[in-house]
Amino acid sequence: MRPITIATRGSALALAQARMILAQCRAAFPGEGFELSIIKTTGDKLQTASLAGANLPKGLFTKEIEEALLDGSGDLAVHSLKDLPTELPPGLRLGAVGPREDVRDVLITRRSSALPPASSPVRALSRGATVATSSTRRRAQLLHLRPDLNIVPIRGNVGTRLRKLAEQPELEATILAAAGLARLHFRERNATEITGEEVPSGLLAAAISLDEMLPCVGQAAIGIEIREHDRRLERVCAALNDSATQRCVSAERAFLRGLGGGCQLAVGAYAEIDGATLRLRAISFLGQKPVGGERSGPLGEAEAIGLSLAEELRP
């Protein structure tokens, strides 16, 4: 029987996530063969384009990988779920969602700058500070908290962004996902300094609370995309799926779908489970002013909760 091919982007973070899934697959199915296939996506090729552009296509980091699934050159695609569009091509489906890491964003500064206190690092930045991010969601929430900040775009993988911050004195800070830092094995020494391979010295980190910055839909979760009606792949996905995370991201993705989809939208959302109840919080910057809201309900109604909150916050 031919090996199952795991398709992935070639960035350091994408490879770390794909290798994690590869190890889980081999442990769960020692009699099966698994191999990795690295695919370059449109988003990887557009290194100079701003991700804040309104005319960017959906599936910026997934299109070519999905084409591989459909033509059979790939079987199981590993995505950062935040990059996976809410509407998938005919013939494909979200087969599994892995356990979630820390969903928060992290403010990164240089040691030469004053380290913002962990309680509210964004509010502690100097007046008019220049913060580098290409995320429309992060930009909107930063300016909502601190209208005086100067937000500039930044591209590249995690290591590249850290290096740019360290080498460009005009930048006071950048923002990265806590999950990405953890999966790349970047560590905090003495509670604040980041260490790890390719990490410049003297960079400090402070997590931003969810009360100040809601994450991107699906942030910190790994999505496994497969072809529909493929029993061999469905059996693998059943062993990989984390049901609690799957319910939470289903609510978040339904919310985003209700607003028109697209990971570049200036919206944040986070769902969590408390006993038998699912709670979804969200904020939207799609209208003339930001609006936030919250919905709760039974675990089995995750999508309905997301769609209901989207209806409330739709401009």
C-alpha atoms as a PDB file:
ATOM      1  CA  MET A   1       0.000   0.000   0.000  1.00  0.00           C
ATOM      2  CA  ARG A   2       1.405   3.417  -0.953  1.00  0.00           C
ATOM      3  CA  PRO A   3       2.425   5.813   1.828  1.00  0.00           C
ATOM      4  CA  ILE A   4       0.098   8.591   2.964  1.00  0.00           C
ATOM      5  CA  THR A   5       1.584  11.895   1.817  1.00  0.00           C
ATOM      6  CA  ILE A   6       1.366  14.806   4.272  1.00  0.00           C
ATOM      7  CA  ALA A   7       1.399  18.103   2.360  1.00  0.00           C
ATOM      8  CA  THR A   8       2.747  21.251   4.005  1.00  0.00           C
ATOM      9  CA  ARG A   9       4.291  24.646   3.384  1.00  0.00           C
ATOM     10  CA  GLY A  10       8.044  24.892   3.773  1.00  0.00           C
ATOM     11  CA  SER A  11       8.338  27.594   6.439  1.00  0.00           C
ATOM     12  CA  ALA A  12      10.011  26.676   9.705  1.00  0.00           C
ATOM     13  CA  LEU A  13       6.701  26.830  11.586  1.00  0.00           C
ATOM     14  CA  ALA A  14       4.785  24.860   8.945  1.00  0.00           C
ATOM     15  CA  LEU A  15       7.455  22.153   8.949  1.00  0.00           C
ATOM     16  CA  ALA A  16       7.490  21.990  12.758  1.00  0.00           C
ATOM     17  CA  GLN A  17       3.718  21.472  12.756  1.00  0.00           C
ATOM     18  CA  ALA A  18       3.817  18.930   9.918  1.00  0.00           C
ATOM     19  CA  ARG A  19       6.570  16.933  11.614  1.00  0.00           C
ATOM     20  CA  MET A  20       4.544  16.915  14.825  1.00  0.00           C
ATOM     21  CA  ILE A  21       1.550  15.478  12.926  1.00  0.00           C
ATOM     22  CA  LEU A  22       3.853  13.010  11.133  1.00  0.00           C
ATOM     23  CA  ALA A  23       5.112  11.715  14.480  1.00  0.00           C
ATOM     24  CA  GLN A  24       1.554  11.382  15.795  1.00  0.00           C
ATOM     25  CA  CYS A  25       0.506   9.467  12.663  1.00  0.00           C
ATOM     26  CA  ARG A  26       3.428   7.061  12.890  1.00  0.00           C
ATOM     27  CA  ALA A  27       2.778   6.454  16.585  1.00  0.00           C
ATOM     28  CA  ALA A  28      -0.941   5.807  16.060  1.00  0.00           C
ATOM     29  CA  PHE A  29      -0.537   3.727  12.894  1.00  0.00           C
ATOM     30  CA  PRO A  30       2.816   1.878  13.005  1.00  0.00           C
ATOM     31  CA  GLY A  31       1.734  -0.357  10.123  1.00  0.00           C
ATOM     32  CA  GLU A  32       1.135   2.582   7.763  1.00  0.00           C
ATOM     33  CA  GLY A  33       3.687   4.529   5.763  1.00  0.00           C
ATOM     34  CA  PHE A  34       3.756   8.323   5.988  1.00  0.00           C
ATOM     35  CA  GLU A  35       5.896  10.901   4.165  1.00  0.00           C
ATOM     36  CA  LEU A  36       6.142  14.696   3.897  1.00  0.00           C
ATOM     37  CA  SER A  37       5.711  16.768   0.729  1.00  0.00           C
ATOM     38  CA  ILE A  38       6.714  20.456   0.827  1.00  0.00           C
ATOM     39  CA  ILE A  39       4.650  22.770  -1.392  1.00  0.00           C
ATOM     40  CA  LYS A  40       5.262  26.471  -2.095  1.00  0.00           C
ATOM     41  CA  THR A  41       2.046  28.508  -1.919  1.00  0.00           C
ATOM     42  CA  THR A  42       1.044  31.853  -3.413  1.00  0.00           C
ATOM     43  CA  GLY A  43       1.539  33.518  -0.038  1.00  0.00           C
ATOM     44  CA  ASP A  44       5.094  32.182   0.144  1.00  0.00           C
ATOM     45  CA  LYS A  45       5.835  33.674  -3.289  1.00  0.00           C
ATOM     46  CA  LEU A  46       4.387  37.112  -2.457  1.00  0.00           C
ATOM     47  CA  GLN A  47       6.996  38.031   0.120  1.00  0.00           C
ATOM     48  CA  THR A  48       6.814  41.749  -0.714  1.00  0.00           C
ATOM     49  CA  ALA A  49       2.995  42.034  -0.733  1.00  0.00           C
ATOM     50  CA  SER A  50       1.186  43.461   2.264  1.00  0.00           C
ATOM     51  CA  LEU A  51      -1.214  41.015   3.891  1.00  0.00           C
ATOM     52  CA  ALA A  52      -3.476  43.958   4.664  1.00  0.00           C
ATOM     53  CA  GLY A  53      -4.420  44.334   0.997  1.00  0.00           C
ATOM     54  CA  ALA A  54      -8.133  44.067   0.340  1.00  0.00           C
ATOM     55  CA  ASN A  55      -7.614  42.457  -3.079  1.00  0.00           C
ATOM     56  CA  LEU A  56      -5.551  39.494  -1.935  1.00  0.00           C
ATOM     57  CA  PRO A  57      -7.110  36.139  -2.890  1.00  0.00           C
ATOM     58  CA  LYS A  58      -8.556  33.774  -0.319  1.00  0.00           C
ATOM     59  CA  GLY A  59      -6.484  30.691   0.320  1.00  0.00           C
ATOM     60  CA  LEU A  60      -3.240  32.642   0.063  1.00  0.00           C
ATOM     61  CA  PHE A  61      -1.357  29.947   1.984  1.00  0.00           C
ATOM     62  CA  THR A  62      -3.512  26.935   1.067  1.00  0.00           C
ATOM     63  CA  LYS A  63      -4.475  26.966  -2.641  1.00  0.00           C
ATOM     64  CA  GLU A  64      -1.562  24.942  -4.040  1.00  0.00           C
ATOM     65  CA  ILE A  65      -1.721  22.478  -1.163  1.00  0.00           C
ATOM     66  CA  GLU A  66      -5.430  21.911  -1.796  1.00  0.00           C
ATOM     67  CA  GLU A  67      -4.709  21.354  -5.483  1.00  0.00           C
ATOM     68  CA  ALA A  68      -2.287  18.596  -4.451  1.00  0.00           C
ATOM     69  CA  LEU A  69      -5.022  16.908  -2.408  1.00  0.00           C
ATOM     70  CA  LEU A  70      -7.446  17.065  -5.319  1.00  0.00           C
ATOM     71  CA  ASP A  71      -4.995  15.671  -7.883  1.00  0.00           C
ATOM     72  CA  GLY A  72      -3.838  12.907  -5.522  1.00  0.00           C
ATOM     73  CA  SER A  73      -0.216  14.039  -5.134  1.00  0.00           C
ATOM     74  CA  GLY A  74      -1.015  14.808  -1.494  1.00  0.00           C
ATOM     75  CA  ASP A  75      -3.365  13.060   0.920  1.00  0.00           C
ATOM     76  CA  LEU A  76      -3.428  14.922   4.199  1.00  0.00           C
ATOM     77  CA  ALA A  77      -2.692  18.654   4.445  1.00  0.00           C
ATOM     78  CA  VAL A  78      -1.393  20.274   7.633  1.00  0.00           C
ATOM     79  CA  HIS A  79      -2.393  23.931   8.019  1.00  0.00           C
ATOM     80  CA  SER A  80      -2.246  26.608  10.653  1.00  0.00           C
ATOM     81  CA  LEU A  81      -6.030  26.662  10.951  1.00  0.00           C
ATOM     82  CA  LYS A  82      -6.091  30.467  10.928  1.00  0.00           C
ATOM     83  CA  ASP A  83      -4.861  30.319   7.295  1.00  0.00           C
ATOM     84  CA  LEU A  84      -7.535  27.863   6.107  1.00  0.00           C
ATOM     85  CA  PRO A  85     -10.532  29.534   4.403  1.00  0.00           C
ATOM     86  CA  THR A  86     -13.945  28.853   5.924  1.00  0.00           C
ATOM     87  CA  GLU A  87     -15.249  27.676   2.533  1.00  0.00           C
ATOM     88  CA  LEU A  88     -13.246  24.718   1.200  1.00  0.00           C
ATOM     89  CA  PRO A  89     -13.099  23.547  -2.436  1.00  0.00           C
ATOM     90  CA  PRO A  90     -15.619  20.866  -3.468  1.00  0.00           C
ATOM     91  CA  GLY A  91     -14.253  17.444  -2.636  1.00  0.00           C
ATOM     92  CA  LEU A  92     -12.256  18.575   0.415  1.00  0.00           C
ATOM     93  CA  ARG A  93     -13.142  18.843   4.090  1.00  0.00           C
ATOM     94  CA  LEU A  94     -11.610  19.619   7.458  1.00  0.00           C
ATOM     95  CA  GLY A  95     -10.875  16.134   8.741  1.00  0.00           C
ATOM     96  CA  ALA A  96      -9.372  16.879  12.151  1.00  0.00           C
ATOM     97  CA  VAL A  97      -8.249  19.664  14.468  1.00  0.00           C
ATOM     98  CA  GLY A  98      -5.318  19.164  16.816  1.00  0.00           C
ATOM     99  CA  PRO A  99      -5.172  20.320  20.457  1.00  0.00           C
ATOM    100  CA  ARG A 100      -4.790  24.066  20.793  1.00  0.00           C
ATOM    101  CA  GLU A 101      -1.738  25.900  22.092  1.00  0.00           C
ATOM    102  CA  ASP A 102      -1.848  29.255  23.906  1.00  0.00           C
ATOM    103  CA  VAL A 103      -4.117  31.471  21.750  1.00  0.00           C
ATOM    104  CA  ARG A 104      -2.689  34.809  22.895  1.00  0.00           C
ATOM    105  CA  ASP A 105      -0.566  37.228  20.914  1.00  0.00           C
ATOM    106  CA  VAL A 106       2.835  38.236  22.257  1.00  0.00           C
ATOM    107  CA  LEU A 107       4.424  41.681  22.116  1.00  0.00           C
ATOM    108  CA  ILE A 108       8.136  41.446  21.292  1.00  0.00           C
ATOM    109  CA  THR A 109      10.492  44.341  22.115  1.00  0.00           C
ATOM    110  CA  ARG A 110      14.248  44.888  22.330  1.00  0.00           C
ATOM    111  CA  ARG A 111      16.063  44.948  25.658  1.00  0.00           C
ATOM    112  CA  SER A 112      17.181  48.483  24.798  1.00  0.00           C
ATOM    113  CA  SER A 113      13.510  49.492  24.964  1.00  0.00           C
ATOM    114  CA  ALA A 114      11.701  49.591  28.276  1.00  0.00           C
ATOM    115  CA  LEU A 115       9.968  46.234  28.752  1.00  0.00           C
ATOM    116  CA  PRO A 116       6.220  46.737  29.005  1.00  0.00           C
ATOM    117  CA  PRO A 117       4.737  45.176  32.146  1.00  0.00           C
ATOM    118  CA  ALA A 118       3.015  41.838  31.612  1.00  0.00           C
ATOM    119  CA  SER A 119      -0.319  43.197  32.839  1.00  0.00           C
ATOM    120  CA  SER A 120      -0.767  45.532  29.869  1.00  0.00           C
ATOM    121  CA  PRO A 121       2.256  45.584  27.520  1.00  0.00           C
ATOM    122  CA  VAL A 122       0.522  47.488  24.692  1.00  0.00           C
ATOM    123  CA  ARG A 123      -0.528  50.351  26.965  1.00  0.00           C
ATOM    124  CA  ALA A 124       3.016  50.551  28.324  1.00  0.00           C
ATOM    125  CA  LEU A 125       4.646  51.238  24.913  1.00  0.00           C
ATOM    126  CA  SER A 126       6.148  54.682  24.515  1.00  0.00           C
ATOM    127  CA  ARG A 127       3.959  57.370  22.973  1.00  0.00           C
ATOM    128  CA  GLY A 128       3.978  57.177  19.148  1.00  0.00           C
ATOM    129  CA  ALA A 129       5.913  53.906  19.189  1.00  0.00           C
ATOM    130  CA  THR A 130       6.342  52.124  15.854  1.00  0.00           C
ATOM    131  CA  VAL A 131       4.950  48.574  15.925  1.00  0.00           C
ATOM    132  CA  ALA A 132       5.449  46.219  12.975  1.00  0.00           C
ATOM    133  CA  THR A 133       2.582  43.944  11.929  1.00  0.00           C
ATOM    134  CA  SER A 134       0.877  43.083   8.640  1.00  0.00           C
ATOM    135  CA  SER A 135      -2.227  41.677  10.346  1.00  0.00           C
ATOM    136  CA  THR A 136      -5.329  43.834   9.854  1.00  0.00           C
ATOM    137  CA  ARG A 137      -6.778  42.323  13.046  1.00  0.00           C
ATOM    138  CA  ARG A 138      -3.750  43.181  15.164  1.00  0.00           C
ATOM    139  CA  ARG A 139      -3.469  46.641  13.613  1.00  0.00           C
ATOM    140  CA  ALA A 140      -7.117  47.432  14.353  1.00  0.00           C
ATOM    141  CA  GLN A 141      -6.943  46.236  17.952  1.00  0.00           C
ATOM    142  CA  LEU A 142      -3.635  48.018  18.587  1.00  0.00           C
ATOM    143  CA  LEU A 143      -5.036  51.336  17.353  1.00  0.00           C
ATOM    144  CA  HIS A 144      -8.245  50.742  19.316  1.00  0.00           C
ATOM    145  CA  LEU A 145      -6.125  50.527  22.475  1.00  0.00           C
ATOM    146  CA  ARG A 146      -3.509  53.103  21.464  1.00  0.00           C
ATOM    147  CA  PRO A 147      -4.521  55.484  18.633  1.00  0.00           C
ATOM    148  CA  ASP A 148      -1.121  57.192  18.891  1.00  0.00           C
ATOM    149  CA  LEU A 149       0.847  54.135  17.729  1.00  0.00           C
ATOM    150  CA  ASN A 150       2.528  54.052  14.313  1.00  0.00           C
ATOM    151  CA  ILE A 151       1.763  50.700  12.672  1.00  0.00           C
ATOM    152  CA  VAL A 152       3.976  49.545   9.793  1.00  0.00           C
ATOM    153  CA  PRO A 153       3.890  46.315   7.750  1.00  0.00           C
ATOM    154  CA  ILE A 154       6.348  43.450   8.169  1.00  0.00           C
ATOM    155  CA  ARG A 155       6.698  40.193   6.220  1.00  0.00           C
ATOM    156  CA  GLY A 156       8.718  37.010   6.588  1.00  0.00           C
ATOM    157  CA  ASN A 157       8.715  33.956   8.801  1.00  0.00           C
ATOM    158  CA  VAL A 158       9.048  34.159  12.573  1.00  0.00           C
ATOM    159  CA  GLY A 159      12.857  34.194  12.534  1.00  0.00           C
ATOM    160  CA  THR A 160      12.956  36.904   9.876  1.00  0.00           C
ATOM    161  CA  ARG A 161      10.579  39.142  11.789  1.00  0.00           C
ATOM    162  CA  LEU A 162      12.578  38.780  14.986  1.00  0.00           C
ATOM    163  CA  ARG A 163      15.765  39.647  13.115  1.00  0.00           C
ATOM    164  CA  LYS A 164      14.158  42.718  11.529  1.00  0.00           C
ATOM    165  CA  LEU A 165      13.067  43.947  14.952  1.00  0.00           C
ATOM    166  CA  ALA A 166      16.556  43.428  16.365  1.00  0.00           C
ATOM    167  CA  GLU A 167      18.283  45.161  13.435  1.00  0.00           C
ATOM    168  CA  GLN A 168      15.951  48.082  12.700  1.00  0.00           C
ATOM    169  CA  PRO A 169      16.125  50.647  15.527  1.00  0.00           C
ATOM    170  CA  GLU A 170      13.088  52.535  14.225  1.00  0.00           C
ATOM    171  CA  LEU A 171      10.934  49.561  15.232  1.00  0.00           C
ATOM    172  CA  GLU A 172       9.996  49.410  18.893  1.00  0.00           C
ATOM    173  CA  ALA A 173       7.958  46.200  18.797  1.00  0.00           C
ATOM    174  CA  THR A 174       6.294  43.496  16.753  1.00  0.00           C
ATOM    175  CA  ILE A 175       3.564  40.982  17.556  1.00  0.00           C
ATOM    176  CA  LEU A 176       3.679  37.210  17.080  1.00  0.00           C
ATOM    177  CA  ALA A 177       1.440  34.331  18.094  1.00  0.00           C
ATOM    178  CA  ALA A 178       2.403  32.586  21.319  1.00  0.00           C
ATOM    179  CA  ALA A 179       1.602  29.228  19.677  1.00  0.00           C
ATOM    180  CA  GLY A 180       4.077  29.783  16.861  1.00  0.00           C
ATOM    181  CA  LEU A 181       6.842  30.687  19.285  1.00  0.00           C
ATOM    182  CA  ALA A 182       6.129  27.573  21.357  1.00  0.00           C
ATOM    183  CA  ARG A 183       6.071  25.216  18.360  1.00  0.00           C
ATOM    184  CA  LEU A 184       9.412  26.571  17.180  1.00  0.00           C
ATOM    185  CA  HIS A 185      10.783  25.814  20.672  1.00  0.00           C
ATOM    186  CA  PHE A 186      11.512  29.435  21.449  1.00  0.00           C
ATOM    187  CA  ARG A 187      11.690  29.785  25.202  1.00  0.00           C
ATOM    188  CA  GLU A 188      11.490  32.627  27.686  1.00  0.00           C
ATOM    189  CA  ARG A 189      14.458  32.949  30.050  1.00  0.00           C
ATOM    190  CA  ASN A 190      13.921  34.792  33.314  1.00  0.00           C
ATOM    191  CA  ALA A 191      10.244  35.144  32.314  1.00  0.00           C
ATOM    192  CA  THR A 192      10.892  37.693  29.563  1.00  0.00           C
ATOM    193  CA  GLU A 193      13.884  37.076  27.259  1.00  0.00           C
ATOM    194  CA  ILE A 194      13.334  34.881  24.196  1.00  0.00           C
ATOM    195  CA  THR A 195      15.957  32.259  23.392  1.00  0.00           C
ATOM    196  CA  GLY A 196      16.155  29.673  20.622  1.00  0.00           C
ATOM    197  CA  GLU A 197      17.691  28.878  17.254  1.00  0.00           C
ATOM    198  CA  GLU A 198      17.825  31.948  14.954  1.00  0.00           C
ATOM    199  CA  VAL A 199      16.631  34.235  17.764  1.00  0.00           C
ATOM    200  CA  PRO A 200      18.736  37.408  18.061  1.00  0.00           C
ATOM    201  CA  SER A 201      19.890  38.173  21.570  1.00  0.00           C
ATOM    202  CA  GLY A 202      18.210  40.844  23.634  1.00  0.00           C
ATOM    203  CA  LEU A 203      14.597  40.330  22.559  1.00  0.00           C
ATOM    204  CA  LEU A 204      11.934  40.391  25.258  1.00  0.00           C
ATOM    205  CA  ALA A 205       8.366  39.095  25.260  1.00  0.00           C
ATOM    206  CA  ALA A 206       5.138  39.920  27.078  1.00  0.00           C
ATOM    207  CA  ALA A 207       1.834  38.167  26.398  1.00  0.00           C
ATOM    208  CA  ILE A 208      -1.163  40.368  25.577  1.00  0.00           C
ATOM    209  CA  SER A 209      -4.299  39.477  27.519  1.00  0.00           C
ATOM    210  CA  LEU A 210      -7.435  38.340  25.714  1.00  0.00           C
ATOM    211  CA  ASP A 211      -9.234  41.301  27.248  1.00  0.00           C
ATOM    212  CA  GLU A 212      -7.010  43.566  25.156  1.00  0.00           C
ATOM    213  CA  MET A 213      -6.522  41.528  21.978  1.00  0.00           C
ATOM    214  CA  LEU A 214      -8.712  38.675  20.725  1.00  0.00           C
ATOM    215  CA  PRO A 215      -6.951  36.166  18.471  1.00  0.00           C
ATOM    216  CA  CYS A 216      -7.533  35.358  14.833  1.00  0.00           C
ATOM    217  CA  VAL A 217     -10.202  32.745  14.136  1.00  0.00           C
ATOM    218  CA  GLY A 218      -8.578  29.335  14.573  1.00  0.00           C
ATOM    219  CA  GLN A 219      -5.351  30.773  16.016  1.00  0.00           C
ATOM    220  CA  ALA A 220      -3.082  28.230  17.781  1.00  0.00           C
ATOM    221  CA  ALA A 221      -4.951  25.249  16.283  1.00  0.00           C
ATOM    222  CA  ILE A 222      -3.652  22.908  13.577  1.00  0.00           C
ATOM    223  CA  GLY A 223      -6.147  21.917  10.889  1.00  0.00           C
ATOM    224  CA  ILE A 224      -5.935  18.652   8.955  1.00  0.00           C
ATOM    225  CA  GLU A 225      -7.561  18.852   5.521  1.00  0.00           C
ATOM    226  CA  ILE A 226      -8.399  15.725   3.500  1.00  0.00           C
ATOM    227  CA  ARG A 227     -10.412  14.546   0.526  1.00  0.00           C
ATOM    228  CA  GLU A 228     -14.047  13.724   1.194  1.00  0.00           C
ATOM    229  CA  HIS A 229     -15.167  10.091   1.423  1.00  0.00           C
ATOM    230  CA  ASP A 230     -11.655   8.671   1.835  1.00  0.00           C
ATOM    231  CA  ARG A 231     -11.997   6.047   4.560  1.00  0.00           C
ATOM    232  CA  ARG A 232      -8.260   5.519   4.971  1.00  0.00           C
ATOM    233  CA  LEU A 233      -7.714   9.235   5.676  1.00  0.00           C
ATOM    234  CA  GLU A 234     -10.825   9.482   7.845  1.00  0.00           C
ATOM    235  CA  ARG A 235      -9.449   6.708  10.061  1.00  0.00           C
ATOM    236  CA  VAL A 236      -6.215   8.638  10.510  1.00  0.00           C
ATOM    237  CA  CYS A 237      -8.067  11.874  11.275  1.00  0.00           C
ATOM    238  CA  ALA A 238     -10.207  10.183  13.922  1.00  0.00           C
ATOM    239  CA  ALA A 239      -7.008   9.484  15.876  1.00  0.00           C
ATOM    240  CA  LEU A 240      -5.715  13.048  15.468  1.00  0.00           C
ATOM    241  CA  ASN A 241      -8.849  15.046  16.290  1.00  0.00           C
ATOM    242  CA  ASP A 242      -9.280  16.920  19.573  1.00  0.00           C
ATOM    243  CA  SER A 243     -13.040  17.226  20.057  1.00  0.00           C
ATOM    244  CA  ALA A 244     -12.949  20.208  22.434  1.00  0.00           C
ATOM    245  CA  THR A 245     -10.777  22.280  20.092  1.00  0.00           C
ATOM    246  CA  GLN A 246     -12.870  21.169  17.117  1.00  0.00           C
ATOM    247  CA  ARG A 247     -16.062  22.495  18.725  1.00  0.00           C
ATOM    248  CA  CYS A 248     -14.441  25.824  19.611  1.00  0.00           C
ATOM    249  CA  VAL A 249     -12.976  26.475  16.180  1.00  0.00           C
ATOM    250  CA  SER A 250     -16.261  25.412  14.552  1.00  0.00           C
ATOM    251  CA  ALA A 251     -17.959  28.314  16.348  1.00  0.00           C
ATOM    252  CA  GLU A 252     -15.172  30.719  15.401  1.00  0.00           C
ATOM    253  CA  ARG A 253     -15.106  29.653  11.750  1.00  0.00           C
ATOM    254  CA  ALA A 254     -18.899  29.901  11.511  1.00  0.00           C
ATOM    255  CA  PHE A 255     -18.629  33.443  12.881  1.00  0.00           C
ATOM    256  CA  LEU A 256     -16.034  34.356  10.250  1.00  0.00           C
ATOM    257  CA  ARG A 257     -18.068  32.686   7.509  1.00  0.00           C
ATOM    258  CA  GLY A 258     -21.086  34.720   8.570  1.00  0.00           C
ATOM    259  CA  LEU A 259     -19.049  37.896   8.040  1.00  0.00           C
ATOM    260  CA  GLY A 260     -17.892  36.850   4.591  1.00  0.00           C
ATOM    261  CA  GLY A 261     -14.858  34.703   5.418  1.00  0.00           C
ATOM    262  CA  GLY A 262     -11.240  35.569   4.757  1.00  0.00           C
ATOM    263  CA  CYS A 263      -8.400  35.439   7.267  1.00  0.00           C
ATOM    264  CA  GLN A 264      -7.399  39.013   6.345  1.00  0.00           C
ATOM    265  CA  LEU A 265     -10.605  40.495   7.815  1.00  0.00           C
ATOM    266  CA  ALA A 266     -10.156  42.835  10.775  1.00  0.00           C
ATOM    267  CA  VAL A 267     -12.019  40.622  13.240  1.00  0.00           C
ATOM    268  CA  GLY A 268     -11.017  38.598  16.285  1.00  0.00           C
ATOM    269  CA  ALA A 269     -12.842  35.716  17.928  1.00  0.00           C
ATOM    270  CA  TYR A 270     -12.221  33.161  20.642  1.00  0.00           C
ATOM    271  CA  ALA A 271     -14.402  30.296  21.857  1.00  0.00           C
ATOM    272  CA  GLU A 272     -13.869  28.300  25.033  1.00  0.00           C
ATOM    273  CA  ILE A 273     -15.722  25.522  26.818  1.00  0.00           C
ATOM    274  CA  ASP A 274     -17.014  25.700  30.390  1.00  0.00           C
ATOM    275  CA  GLY A 275     -18.597  22.381  31.317  1.00  0.00           C
ATOM    276  CA  ALA A 276     -21.429  21.793  28.852  1.00  0.00           C
ATOM    277  CA  THR A 277     -21.436  25.387  27.619  1.00  0.00           C
ATOM    278  CA  LEU A 278     -19.513  26.961  24.755  1.00  0.00           C
ATOM    279  CA  ARG A 279     -18.765  30.696  25.058  1.00  0.00           C
ATOM    280  CA  LEU A 280     -17.759  32.761  22.021  1.00  0.00           C
ATOM    281  CA  ARG A 281     -16.339  36.281  22.259  1.00  0.00           C
ATOM    282  CA  ALA A 282     -15.668  38.399  19.182  1.00  0.00           C
ATOM    283  CA  ILE A 283     -14.849  41.887  17.960  1.00  0.00           C
ATOM    284  CA  SER A 284     -15.294  43.367  14.491  1.00  0.00           C
ATOM    285  CA  PHE A 285     -13.730  46.429  12.901  1.00  0.00           C
ATOM    286  CA  LEU A 286     -15.593  46.050   9.603  1.00  0.00           C
ATOM    287  CA  GLY A 287     -17.991  48.949  10.203  1.00  0.00           C
ATOM    288  CA  GLN A 288     -17.438  52.616  10.975  1.00  0.00           C
ATOM    289  CA  LYS A 289     -16.676  51.810  14.601  1.00  0.00           C
ATOM    290  CA  PRO A 290     -15.597  48.626  16.423  1.00  0.00           C
ATOM    291  CA  VAL A 291     -18.305  46.395  17.857  1.00  0.00           C
ATOM    292  CA  GLY A 292     -17.905  43.440  20.174  1.00  0.00           C
ATOM    293  CA  GLY A 293     -20.221  40.786  21.487  1.00  0.00           C
ATOM    294  CA  GLU A 294     -20.583  37.418  23.142  1.00  0.00           C
ATOM    295  CA  ARG A 295     -22.761  34.313  22.719  1.00  0.00           C
ATOM    296  CA  SER A 296     -23.056  31.139  24.788  1.00  0.00           C
ATOM    297  CA  GLY A 297     -24.899  27.894  24.234  1.00  0.00           C
ATOM    298  CA  PRO A 298     -24.755  24.080  24.258  1.00  0.00           C
ATOM    299  CA  LEU A 299     -21.671  22.386  22.835  1.00  0.00           C
ATOM    300  CA  GLY A 300     -23.695  20.805  20.050  1.00  0.00           C
ATOM    301  CA  GLU A 301     -24.704  24.217  18.697  1.00  0.00           C
ATOM    302  CA  ALA A 302     -21.219  25.588  17.992  1.00  0.00           C
ATOM    303  CA  GLU A 303     -21.899  26.675  14.412  1.00  0.00           C
ATOM    304  CA  ALA A 304     -25.244  28.226  15.305  1.00  0.00           C
ATOM    305  CA  ILE A 305     -23.567  30.239  18.061  1.00  0.00           C
ATOM    306  CA  GLY A 306     -20.986  31.561  15.612  1.00  0.00           C
ATOM    307  CA  LEU A 307     -23.521  32.477  12.947  1.00  0.00           C
ATOM    308  CA  SER A 308     -25.755  34.196  15.501  1.00  0.00           C
ATOM    309  CA  LEU A 309     -22.915  36.390  16.763  1.00  0.00           C
ATOM    310  CA  ALA A 310     -21.913  37.221  13.176  1.00  0.00           C
ATOM    311  CA  GLU A 311     -25.464  38.387  12.499  1.00  0.00           C
ATOM    312  CA  GLU A 312     -25.295  40.686  15.524  1.00  0.00           C
ATOM    313  CA  LEU A 313     -21.914  42.204  14.614  1.00  0.00           C
ATOM    314  CA  ARG A 314     -22.386  42.432  10.846  1.00  0.00           C
ATOM    315  CA  PRO A 315     -22.100  46.086   9.684  1.00  0.00           C
END
